[in-house]
Amino acid sequence: MKSRSVPSARRLELAVAVPASYLSTEHGLMLKTIKTGILARILAVFRATRLIVYVDRNDAEKHAKLMEEIIGYMLTAPYLKKKLYPYKPELRYVGILPPLQLPTHGVGGPHVGEIREALVVRDLGGLVVLDAGLGKYVKCAKPHWLKRSKRVLVRIESLNPPKLHILREDEAGIYTGFSITVVRGLREALETASGLLRVATSRFGEVLTADKAVRDAREAASRGGIALFFGAPDKGLFEIANSEGLEPEAVFDRIYNTIPNQGTRTVRVEEALAATLAIYNMFLEQ
């Protein structure tokens, strides 16, 4: 049985869309790495299920690739990082980032009943050899549905001797982090979130109140989840939409100002993200 302190998986989608130019205000790899780490931490704290990075301008594609690389590294269990991420120049400063400490990262473990990430080191047909950060490789029965996946979730059945059981992600029942998808432009980001309640954040929107958040949470439950959209450091969501020939009122279900009466001239993407998620997190189906 999992501990009550282990955060459960969300039953509904909680997607967040940010522009690749999110990193454009920072100069140098170190600052870009830190800024990406802040974004990843906020998403993990509020149990986001998906990050959509949309390339909002031609020179931002490199930023999208950098974000994808750094966040992929952060989402990996610490004991698997060296095996899965050999040295790359773009990961030079990841050591300064705070760990995500996801439930599957072996935090506070190992202990019987714990669910953690493991790497398939060798496939022996009916068996696989796994590295689950237990100090030694462990042989485990290979489920029929496991094909060519290299990373799996396992439950620790025993520590002495070590025994593991491979789980489907939907069997785990705990928060395992978020996926990341890179798309071309806001239009494609909207298509990626098709079917979900699509909410835009903008200083031109109406103020998001608790009553509205409750209403949105109910609608999101009937639509499979919610997708929150954010603008760029130098260009708001309205400007980005207009540049792609999109009418914000037509493509978004809601448009909200989630930080009314701000005390600063501008609000940074990560600040708007934290404020918006903090409000919705109280009302979204857990």
Protein backbone atom coordinates (compact mmCIF):
# COMPACT_ATOMS: atom_id res chain seq x y z
CA MET A 1 0.00 0.00 0.00
CA LYS A 2 1.22 3.49 -0.78
CA SER A 3 1.68 6.04 1.99
CA ARG A 4 -0.99 8.65 2.44
CA SER A 5 1.69 11.29 1.93
CA VAL A 6 2.32 10.10 -1.63
CA PRO A 7 0.48 12.40 -4.07
CA SER A 8 -2.08 10.61 -6.19
CA ALA A 9 -2.28 10.74 -9.97
CA ARG A 10 -4.72 13.23 -11.42
CA ARG A 11 -7.76 11.63 -13.00
CA LEU A 12 -8.16 14.59 -15.34
CA GLU A 13 -5.70 16.31 -17.65
CA LEU A 14 -4.01 19.45 -16.34
CA ALA A 15 -2.11 20.82 -19.32
CA VAL A 16 -0.07 24.01 -19.44
CA ALA A 17 1.01 25.77 -22.66
CA VAL A 18 3.92 28.21 -22.60
CA PRO A 19 5.83 29.84 -25.47
CA ALA A 20 9.36 28.75 -26.29
CA SER A 21 10.45 32.39 -26.00
CA TYR A 22 9.95 31.96 -22.25
CA LEU A 23 13.76 31.64 -22.16
CA SER A 24 14.46 34.60 -24.44
CA THR A 25 14.93 37.12 -21.60
CA GLU A 26 17.85 35.22 -20.11
CA HIS A 27 21.41 35.45 -21.43
CA GLY A 28 23.68 32.47 -21.07
CA LEU A 29 23.05 28.78 -20.52
CA MET A 30 23.18 28.95 -16.73
CA LEU A 31 20.32 31.44 -16.43
CA LYS A 32 18.27 29.62 -19.05
CA THR A 33 18.79 26.39 -17.11
CA ILE A 34 17.65 28.00 -13.84
CA LYS A 35 14.58 29.49 -15.49
CA THR A 36 13.64 26.12 -16.97
CA GLY A 37 14.11 24.50 -13.58
CA ILE A 38 11.72 27.00 -11.98
CA LEU A 39 9.08 26.17 -14.57
CA ALA A 40 9.48 22.41 -14.04
CA ARG A 41 9.26 22.75 -10.25
CA ILE A 42 6.02 24.76 -10.42
CA LEU A 43 4.45 22.22 -12.77
CA ALA A 44 5.44 19.32 -10.53
CA VAL A 45 4.29 21.05 -7.33
CA PHE A 46 0.78 21.45 -8.77
CA ARG A 47 0.79 17.99 -10.40
CA ALA A 48 0.49 19.14 -13.99
CA THR A 49 0.11 16.26 -16.42
CA ARG A 50 1.38 17.86 -19.61
CA LEU A 51 3.57 20.76 -20.72
CA ILE A 52 3.00 22.09 -24.23
CA VAL A 53 5.82 24.30 -25.47
CA TYR A 54 4.74 26.21 -28.54
CA VAL A 55 7.35 27.82 -30.79
CA ASP A 56 6.02 31.36 -31.05
CA ARG A 57 8.79 32.73 -33.25
CA ASN A 58 11.47 31.32 -35.51
CA ASP A 59 14.46 32.08 -33.30
CA ALA A 60 12.80 30.36 -30.30
CA GLU A 61 13.02 26.81 -31.63
CA LYS A 62 16.41 26.36 -29.98
CA HIS A 63 14.86 27.39 -26.67
CA ALA A 64 12.15 24.75 -27.05
CA LYS A 65 14.77 22.05 -27.62
CA LEU A 66 16.76 23.22 -24.61
CA MET A 67 13.69 23.17 -22.37
CA GLU A 68 12.80 19.69 -23.59
CA GLU A 69 16.31 18.41 -22.84
CA ILE A 70 16.61 19.95 -19.37
CA ILE A 71 13.10 18.98 -18.26
CA GLY A 72 13.56 15.43 -19.54
CA TYR A 73 16.66 15.21 -17.35
CA MET A 74 14.80 16.56 -14.32
CA LEU A 75 11.95 14.08 -14.78
CA THR A 76 14.39 11.17 -14.63
CA ALA A 77 15.07 9.39 -11.33
CA PRO A 78 18.47 10.48 -9.92
CA TYR A 79 19.92 6.95 -9.95
CA LEU A 80 19.24 6.63 -13.70
CA LYS A 81 20.51 10.01 -14.89
CA LYS A 82 24.08 8.97 -15.71
CA LYS A 83 22.91 5.98 -17.74
CA LEU A 84 20.27 7.87 -19.70
CA TYR A 85 21.99 11.24 -20.05
CA PRO A 86 25.65 11.07 -21.02
CA TYR A 87 27.41 14.41 -20.91
CA LYS A 88 25.93 17.04 -23.20
CA PRO A 89 26.97 20.72 -23.33
CA GLU A 90 23.35 21.86 -22.89
CA LEU A 91 23.14 19.98 -19.58
CA ARG A 92 26.27 21.61 -18.17
CA TYR A 93 24.45 23.41 -15.34
CA VAL A 94 21.68 20.96 -14.40
CA GLY A 95 23.57 20.14 -11.20
CA ILE A 96 22.52 23.48 -9.70
CA LEU A 97 18.81 22.76 -10.14
CA PRO A 98 16.70 21.59 -7.19
CA PRO A 99 15.51 17.99 -7.69
CA LEU A 100 11.86 17.43 -8.55
CA GLN A 101 11.63 14.70 -5.89
CA LEU A 102 8.74 12.97 -7.61
CA PRO A 103 7.24 9.97 -5.78
CA THR A 104 8.87 7.67 -8.36
CA HIS A 105 12.37 9.07 -7.80
CA GLY A 106 13.21 6.96 -4.76
CA VAL A 107 12.84 9.79 -2.25
CA GLY A 108 12.96 8.37 1.29
CA GLY A 109 13.37 4.84 -0.03
CA PRO A 110 13.85 2.10 -0.72
CA HIS A 111 11.03 0.39 1.16
CA VAL A 112 8.59 -2.41 0.48
CA GLY A 113 5.52 -1.17 -1.38
CA GLU A 114 7.33 1.80 -2.89
CA ILE A 115 6.72 2.57 -6.56
CA ARG A 116 9.71 3.89 -8.46
CA GLU A 117 11.17 4.29 -11.90
CA ALA A 118 13.41 1.55 -13.29
CA LEU A 119 15.51 1.03 -16.40
CA VAL A 120 15.38 -2.12 -18.50
CA VAL A 121 19.06 -3.08 -18.75
CA ARG A 122 18.54 -6.37 -20.57
CA ASP A 123 15.62 -8.27 -22.12
CA LEU A 124 15.82 -12.03 -21.62
CA GLY A 125 12.51 -12.89 -23.23
CA GLY A 126 10.24 -13.87 -20.36
CA LEU A 127 12.41 -11.93 -17.93
CA VAL A 128 13.99 -8.48 -17.89
CA VAL A 129 16.94 -7.19 -15.91
CA LEU A 130 16.17 -3.90 -14.19
CA ASP A 131 18.10 -1.09 -12.54
CA ALA A 132 15.78 0.37 -9.92
CA GLY A 133 18.44 2.13 -7.85
CA LEU A 134 18.72 -0.72 -5.35
CA GLY A 135 22.49 -1.08 -5.63
CA LYS A 136 22.24 -4.17 -7.83
CA TYR A 137 20.36 -5.27 -10.93
CA VAL A 138 17.18 -7.25 -10.36
CA LYS A 139 15.57 -9.87 -12.61
CA CYS A 140 11.84 -9.48 -12.98
CA ALA A 141 9.02 -11.23 -14.84
CA LYS A 142 8.26 -9.46 -18.10
CA PRO A 143 4.55 -8.67 -18.56
CA HIS A 144 3.09 -9.53 -21.97
CA TRP A 145 2.24 -5.89 -22.70
CA LEU A 146 5.78 -4.63 -22.24
CA LYS A 147 7.31 -4.19 -25.67
CA ARG A 148 10.38 -2.06 -26.19
CA SER A 149 10.06 0.40 -23.33
CA LYS A 150 13.34 1.10 -21.58
CA ARG A 151 11.85 2.95 -18.62
CA VAL A 152 9.17 1.32 -16.50
CA LEU A 153 7.45 1.73 -13.16
CA VAL A 154 7.99 -0.99 -10.58
CA ARG A 155 6.68 -1.77 -7.12
CA ILE A 156 9.19 -3.10 -4.60
CA GLU A 157 7.80 -6.43 -3.36
CA SER A 158 10.80 -7.34 -1.24
CA LEU A 159 14.22 -5.92 -0.37
CA ASN A 160 15.91 -9.06 0.90
CA PRO A 161 16.06 -10.63 -1.57
CA PRO A 162 15.14 -7.79 -3.94
CA LYS A 163 11.94 -8.51 -5.84
CA LEU A 164 10.14 -6.14 -8.23
CA HIS A 165 6.82 -6.09 -10.03
CA ILE A 166 6.38 -4.05 -13.24
CA LEU A 167 3.31 -1.80 -13.38
CA ARG A 168 1.46 0.03 -16.08
CA GLU A 169 1.50 3.76 -15.42
CA ASP A 170 -2.27 3.78 -14.90
CA GLU A 171 -1.88 1.03 -12.28
CA ALA A 172 0.49 3.05 -10.13
CA GLY A 173 -2.14 5.50 -8.89
CA ILE A 174 0.50 8.08 -7.91
CA TYR A 175 1.80 11.25 -9.52
CA THR A 176 4.62 10.39 -11.91
CA GLY A 177 5.36 13.82 -13.37
CA PHE A 178 4.31 15.40 -16.65
CA SER A 179 4.95 14.85 -20.32
CA ILE A 180 6.41 17.54 -22.57
CA THR A 181 5.37 18.22 -26.16
CA VAL A 182 6.89 20.79 -28.52
CA VAL A 183 4.59 22.17 -31.22
CA ARG A 184 4.77 24.84 -33.90
CA GLY A 185 2.83 27.94 -32.87
CA LEU A 186 -0.17 28.73 -30.72
CA ARG A 187 -2.59 27.30 -33.26
CA GLU A 188 -1.02 23.85 -32.98
CA ALA A 189 -0.95 24.15 -29.18
CA LEU A 190 -4.70 24.79 -29.23
CA GLU A 191 -5.22 21.75 -31.46
CA THR A 192 -3.12 19.65 -29.06
CA ALA A 193 -5.47 20.66 -26.24
CA SER A 194 -8.59 20.05 -28.31
CA GLY A 195 -11.53 18.87 -26.23
CA LEU A 196 -10.17 20.27 -22.97
CA LEU A 197 -11.45 23.46 -21.36
CA ARG A 198 -9.02 26.00 -22.84
CA VAL A 199 -8.25 28.95 -20.58
CA ALA A 200 -6.17 31.96 -21.60
CA THR A 201 -4.39 34.21 -19.12
CA SER A 202 -4.22 37.89 -19.99
CA ARG A 203 -4.31 41.29 -18.32
CA PHE A 204 -7.26 41.98 -20.66
CA GLY A 205 -9.32 39.14 -19.20
CA GLU A 206 -11.95 39.22 -16.47
CA VAL A 207 -10.77 38.59 -12.92
CA LEU A 208 -10.72 34.92 -11.95
CA THR A 209 -12.76 34.44 -8.78
CA ALA A 210 -13.38 31.34 -6.70
CA ASP A 211 -16.92 31.02 -8.09
CA LYS A 212 -15.61 31.05 -11.65
CA ALA A 213 -12.87 28.54 -10.82
CA VAL A 214 -15.46 26.18 -9.30
CA ARG A 215 -17.63 26.50 -12.41
CA ASP A 216 -14.62 25.85 -14.64
CA ALA A 217 -13.60 22.81 -12.59
CA ARG A 218 -17.04 21.29 -13.11
CA GLU A 219 -16.88 21.88 -16.85
CA ALA A 220 -13.34 20.54 -17.01
CA ALA A 221 -14.53 17.34 -15.33
CA SER A 222 -17.00 16.80 -18.16
CA ARG A 223 -14.39 17.52 -20.83
CA GLY A 224 -11.51 15.41 -19.60
CA GLY A 225 -9.49 18.25 -18.13
CA ILE A 226 -8.25 21.80 -18.55
CA ALA A 227 -5.48 23.50 -20.52
CA LEU A 228 -4.00 26.81 -19.33
CA PHE A 229 -2.32 29.09 -21.89
CA PHE A 230 0.31 31.73 -21.19
CA GLY A 231 1.91 34.47 -23.26
CA ALA A 232 5.56 35.40 -23.77
CA PRO A 233 7.80 37.75 -21.74
CA ASP A 234 7.65 40.43 -24.44
CA LYS A 235 4.30 39.65 -26.06
CA GLY A 236 0.95 38.86 -24.46
CA LEU A 237 -1.29 36.01 -25.48
CA PHE A 238 -3.60 38.38 -27.38
CA GLU A 239 -0.69 39.63 -29.49
CA ILE A 240 0.53 36.11 -30.19
CA ALA A 241 -2.97 35.00 -31.18
CA ASN A 242 -3.47 37.99 -33.47
CA SER A 243 -0.09 37.40 -35.15
CA GLU A 244 -1.35 33.93 -36.15
CA GLY A 245 -4.69 35.24 -37.35
CA LEU A 246 -6.55 33.92 -34.31
CA GLU A 247 -9.30 35.73 -32.44
CA PRO A 248 -8.77 35.06 -28.70
CA GLU A 249 -12.48 35.20 -27.85
CA ALA A 250 -13.14 32.57 -30.52
CA VAL A 251 -10.39 30.06 -29.72
CA PHE A 252 -10.41 30.16 -25.91
CA ASP A 253 -13.27 29.11 -23.65
CA ARG A 254 -12.21 31.54 -20.92
CA ILE A 255 -9.91 34.55 -20.72
CA TYR A 256 -8.82 35.52 -17.20
CA ASN A 257 -6.62 37.96 -15.37
CA THR A 258 -5.37 35.80 -12.49
CA ILE A 259 -3.26 38.52 -10.84
CA PRO A 260 -5.48 41.63 -10.64
CA ASN A 261 -4.04 44.87 -9.24
CA GLN A 262 -0.48 43.66 -9.74
CA GLY A 263 2.17 45.62 -7.88
CA THR A 264 4.79 45.31 -10.60
CA ARG A 265 4.77 46.73 -14.11
CA THR A 266 4.91 43.26 -15.62
CA VAL A 267 4.20 39.73 -14.43
CA ARG A 268 6.62 37.02 -15.47
CA VAL A 269 5.42 33.80 -17.05
CA GLU A 270 6.44 31.66 -14.08
CA GLU A 271 4.70 34.07 -11.69
CA ALA A 272 1.47 33.96 -13.67
CA LEU A 273 1.77 30.19 -13.89
CA ALA A 274 2.14 29.75 -10.12
CA ALA A 275 -0.73 32.15 -9.37
CA THR A 276 -3.09 30.51 -11.85
CA LEU A 277 -2.32 26.95 -10.83
CA ALA A 278 -2.68 27.82 -7.14
CA ILE A 279 -6.24 28.98 -7.76
CA TYR A 280 -7.36 26.08 -9.94
CA ASN A 281 -5.60 23.45 -7.83
CA MET A 282 -8.06 24.08 -5.00
CA PHE A 283 -11.06 23.20 -7.12
CA LEU A 284 -9.99 20.76 -9.83
CA GLU A 285 -11.00 17.15 -9.33
CA GLN A 286 -8.12 15.52 -7.51
